[in-house]
Amino acid sequence: MYCFNINNFYYFVLLQFVFNSRDPIVIGVIIEAGIVKEGTPICVPSKEFVDLGIVTSIENNHKPVESARKGQEVCIKIEPIPGESPKMFGRHFDEKDYLISKVCFRFFSFFFKFQWAITP
């Protein structure tokens, strides 16, 4: 999988531990690329980009942090998007799926369309 790091708009995570499987989802992850921050909307690209919710907190060694970078192992809490039904680990995604920022998908769609439009 090719990754482009432009202004840290995206990240991939690898699931390690599941502490709560639904509302809120609390999981341990390894940040594979980019940066994860509080307030980031999360989706699952392998499941038709299903929206999981929004990252509301991040912990590293039982201490709250505002963001996590590539290579860090952290615990994130994902709360459902208001007005949508809560998603569940094991039903909507599992440990084999990568999670990405929803901002990432929109940005890349725009970026690639724009790139091809200006390329001679």
C-alpha atoms as a PDB file:
ATOM      1  CA  MET A   1       0.000   0.000   0.000  1.00  0.00           C
ATOM      2  CA  TYR A   2       1.419   3.377  -0.968  1.00  0.00           C
ATOM      3  CA  CYS A   3       1.232   6.160   1.573  1.00  0.00           C
ATOM      4  CA  PHE A   4       1.754   9.862   0.988  1.00  0.00           C
ATOM      5  CA  ASN A   5       2.353  12.076   3.993  1.00  0.00           C
ATOM      6  CA  ILE A   6       1.135  15.530   3.049  1.00  0.00           C
ATOM      7  CA  ASN A   7       0.599  17.778   6.092  1.00  0.00           C
ATOM      8  CA  ASN A   8      -0.188  14.669   8.195  1.00  0.00           C
ATOM      9  CA  PHE A   9      -3.774  14.422   6.965  1.00  0.00           C
ATOM     10  CA  TYR A  10      -3.917  10.658   7.258  1.00  0.00           C
ATOM     11  CA  TYR A  11      -2.798   7.696   9.285  1.00  0.00           C
ATOM     12  CA  PHE A  12      -3.171   3.961   9.337  1.00  0.00           C
ATOM     13  CA  VAL A  13      -3.483   1.952  12.518  1.00  0.00           C
ATOM     14  CA  LEU A  14      -3.111  -1.725  13.300  1.00  0.00           C
ATOM     15  CA  LEU A  15      -5.430  -3.137  15.956  1.00  0.00           C
ATOM     16  CA  GLN A  16      -3.780  -4.886  18.900  1.00  0.00           C
ATOM     17  CA  PHE A  17      -6.178  -4.939  21.812  1.00  0.00           C
ATOM     18  CA  VAL A  18      -9.895  -4.350  22.234  1.00  0.00           C
ATOM     19  CA  PHE A  19     -10.939  -2.989  25.636  1.00  0.00           C
ATOM     20  CA  ASN A  20     -14.519  -2.053  24.699  1.00  0.00           C
ATOM     21  CA  SER A  21     -16.143  -3.242  21.490  1.00  0.00           C
ATOM     22  CA  ARG A  22     -19.057  -0.793  21.275  1.00  0.00           C
ATOM     23  CA  ASP A  23     -20.150   2.705  22.282  1.00  0.00           C
ATOM     24  CA  PRO A  24     -17.483   3.875  22.860  1.00  0.00           C
ATOM     25  CA  ILE A  25     -14.977   1.664  21.053  1.00  0.00           C
ATOM     26  CA  VAL A  26     -11.746   1.552  23.074  1.00  0.00           C
ATOM     27  CA  ILE A  27      -8.826  -0.134  21.298  1.00  0.00           C
ATOM     28  CA  GLY A  28      -5.056  -0.317  21.467  1.00  0.00           C
ATOM     29  CA  VAL A  29      -3.347   0.516  18.189  1.00  0.00           C
ATOM     30  CA  ILE A  30       0.048   0.941  16.548  1.00  0.00           C
ATOM     31  CA  ILE A  31       0.236   4.068  14.411  1.00  0.00           C
ATOM     32  CA  GLU A  32       1.548   2.890  11.031  1.00  0.00           C
ATOM     33  CA  ALA A  33       1.821   6.298   9.332  1.00  0.00           C
ATOM     34  CA  GLY A  34       0.993   9.932   9.968  1.00  0.00           C
ATOM     35  CA  ILE A  35      -0.507  11.399  13.134  1.00  0.00           C
ATOM     36  CA  VAL A  36      -3.719  10.687  15.029  1.00  0.00           C
ATOM     37  CA  LYS A  37      -5.311  13.555  16.983  1.00  0.00           C
ATOM     38  CA  GLU A  38      -8.386  14.015  19.128  1.00  0.00           C
ATOM     39  CA  GLY A  39     -11.414  14.966  17.052  1.00  0.00           C
ATOM     40  CA  THR A  40     -10.376  12.939  14.003  1.00  0.00           C
ATOM     41  CA  PRO A  41     -13.214  11.065  12.252  1.00  0.00           C
ATOM     42  CA  ILE A  42     -12.321   7.397  11.607  1.00  0.00           C
ATOM     43  CA  CYS A  43     -13.460   5.046   8.829  1.00  0.00           C
ATOM     44  CA  VAL A  44     -12.664   1.534   7.570  1.00  0.00           C
ATOM     45  CA  PRO A  45     -11.610   1.543   3.883  1.00  0.00           C
ATOM     46  CA  SER A  46     -11.917  -2.230   3.446  1.00  0.00           C
ATOM     47  CA  LYS A  47     -15.595  -2.118   4.536  1.00  0.00           C
ATOM     48  CA  GLU A  48     -16.804   0.474   2.008  1.00  0.00           C
ATOM     49  CA  PHE A  49     -15.441   3.328   4.147  1.00  0.00           C
ATOM     50  CA  VAL A  50     -17.925   2.747   6.964  1.00  0.00           C
ATOM     51  CA  ASP A  51     -17.723   5.588   9.514  1.00  0.00           C
ATOM     52  CA  LEU A  52     -16.792   4.321  12.976  1.00  0.00           C
ATOM     53  CA  GLY A  53     -16.947   7.619  14.829  1.00  0.00           C
ATOM     54  CA  ILE A  54     -14.631  10.298  16.185  1.00  0.00           C
ATOM     55  CA  VAL A  55     -11.456   9.896  18.269  1.00  0.00           C
ATOM     56  CA  THR A  56     -12.308  11.549  21.590  1.00  0.00           C
ATOM     57  CA  SER A  57      -9.256  10.586  23.627  1.00  0.00           C
ATOM     58  CA  ILE A  58      -5.778   9.094  23.261  1.00  0.00           C
ATOM     59  CA  GLU A  59      -3.659   7.525  26.016  1.00  0.00           C
ATOM     60  CA  ASN A  60      -0.011   6.528  26.064  1.00  0.00           C
ATOM     61  CA  ASN A  61       1.192   4.561  29.133  1.00  0.00           C
ATOM     62  CA  HIS A  62      -2.050   5.379  30.997  1.00  0.00           C
ATOM     63  CA  LYS A  63      -1.525   9.128  30.469  1.00  0.00           C
ATOM     64  CA  PRO A  64      -3.738  11.275  28.226  1.00  0.00           C
ATOM     65  CA  VAL A  65      -2.018  12.766  25.174  1.00  0.00           C
ATOM     66  CA  GLU A  66      -3.293  15.097  22.436  1.00  0.00           C
ATOM     67  CA  SER A  67      -1.758  13.206  19.504  1.00  0.00           C
ATOM     68  CA  ALA A  68       0.278  10.136  18.563  1.00  0.00           C
ATOM     69  CA  ARG A  69       2.836   9.711  15.782  1.00  0.00           C
ATOM     70  CA  LYS A  70       4.107   6.894  13.584  1.00  0.00           C
ATOM     71  CA  GLY A  71       5.452   3.945  15.551  1.00  0.00           C
ATOM     72  CA  GLN A  72       3.711   4.747  18.840  1.00  0.00           C
ATOM     73  CA  GLU A  73       1.473   2.252  20.604  1.00  0.00           C
ATOM     74  CA  VAL A  74      -1.517   4.032  22.111  1.00  0.00           C
ATOM     75  CA  CYS A  75      -5.073   3.434  23.225  1.00  0.00           C
ATOM     76  CA  ILE A  76      -7.803   5.414  21.453  1.00  0.00           C
ATOM     77  CA  LYS A  77     -11.458   5.936  22.315  1.00  0.00           C
ATOM     78  CA  ILE A  78     -13.836   6.257  19.342  1.00  0.00           C
ATOM     79  CA  GLU A  79     -17.295   7.637  20.083  1.00  0.00           C
ATOM     80  CA  PRO A  80     -20.140   7.333  17.560  1.00  0.00           C
ATOM     81  CA  ILE A  81     -21.065  10.222  15.302  1.00  0.00           C
ATOM     82  CA  PRO A  82     -24.153  11.965  16.736  1.00  0.00           C
ATOM     83  CA  GLY A  83     -27.312  10.745  15.024  1.00  0.00           C
ATOM     84  CA  GLU A  84     -25.744   7.539  13.680  1.00  0.00           C
ATOM     85  CA  SER A  85     -26.015   4.057  15.143  1.00  0.00           C
ATOM     86  CA  PRO A  86     -22.922   2.948  17.095  1.00  0.00           C
ATOM     87  CA  LYS A  87     -20.560   0.627  15.233  1.00  0.00           C
ATOM     88  CA  MET A  88     -19.158  -2.546  16.801  1.00  0.00           C
ATOM     89  CA  PHE A  89     -15.810  -4.279  16.727  1.00  0.00           C
ATOM     90  CA  GLY A  90     -16.332  -7.766  15.295  1.00  0.00           C
ATOM     91  CA  ARG A  91     -19.355  -6.748  13.226  1.00  0.00           C
ATOM     92  CA  HIS A  92     -18.328  -3.607  11.301  1.00  0.00           C
ATOM     93  CA  PHE A  93     -14.551  -4.155  11.454  1.00  0.00           C
ATOM     94  CA  ASP A  94     -12.022  -6.543  12.990  1.00  0.00           C
ATOM     95  CA  GLU A  95      -8.313  -6.878  13.800  1.00  0.00           C
ATOM     96  CA  LYS A  96      -7.418  -7.439  10.117  1.00  0.00           C
ATOM     97  CA  ASP A  97      -8.756  -4.041   8.995  1.00  0.00           C
ATOM     98  CA  TYR A  98      -6.802  -0.822   8.768  1.00  0.00           C
ATOM     99  CA  LEU A  99      -8.444   2.307  10.089  1.00  0.00           C
ATOM    100  CA  ILE A 100      -7.894   5.662   8.430  1.00  0.00           C
ATOM    101  CA  SER A 101      -8.920   9.229   8.961  1.00  0.00           C
ATOM    102  CA  LYS A 102     -12.039  10.231   7.042  1.00  0.00           C
ATOM    103  CA  VAL A 103     -10.235  13.519   6.310  1.00  0.00           C
ATOM    104  CA  CYS A 104      -7.615  11.434   4.516  1.00  0.00           C
ATOM    105  CA  PHE A 105     -10.045   9.932   2.037  1.00  0.00           C
ATOM    106  CA  ARG A 106     -11.587  13.279   1.097  1.00  0.00           C
ATOM    107  CA  PHE A 107      -8.180  14.910   0.803  1.00  0.00           C
ATOM    108  CA  PHE A 108      -6.767  12.160  -1.423  1.00  0.00           C
ATOM    109  CA  SER A 109      -9.826  12.206  -3.682  1.00  0.00           C
ATOM    110  CA  PHE A 110      -9.335  15.935  -4.209  1.00  0.00           C
ATOM    111  CA  PHE A 111      -5.543  15.659  -4.427  1.00  0.00           C
ATOM    112  CA  PHE A 112      -5.516  12.976  -7.123  1.00  0.00           C
ATOM    113  CA  LYS A 113      -8.207  14.682  -9.214  1.00  0.00           C
ATOM    114  CA  PHE A 114      -6.304  17.958  -9.000  1.00  0.00           C
ATOM    115  CA  GLN A 115      -2.938  16.294  -9.703  1.00  0.00           C
ATOM    116  CA  TRP A 116      -4.197  14.645 -12.898  1.00  0.00           C
ATOM    117  CA  ALA A 117      -5.812  17.892 -14.023  1.00  0.00           C
ATOM    118  CA  ILE A 118      -2.522  19.832 -13.881  1.00  0.00           C
ATOM    119  CA  THR A 119      -0.189  17.078 -15.102  1.00  0.00           C
ATOM    120  CA  PRO A 120       0.817  17.651 -18.759  1.00  0.00           C
END
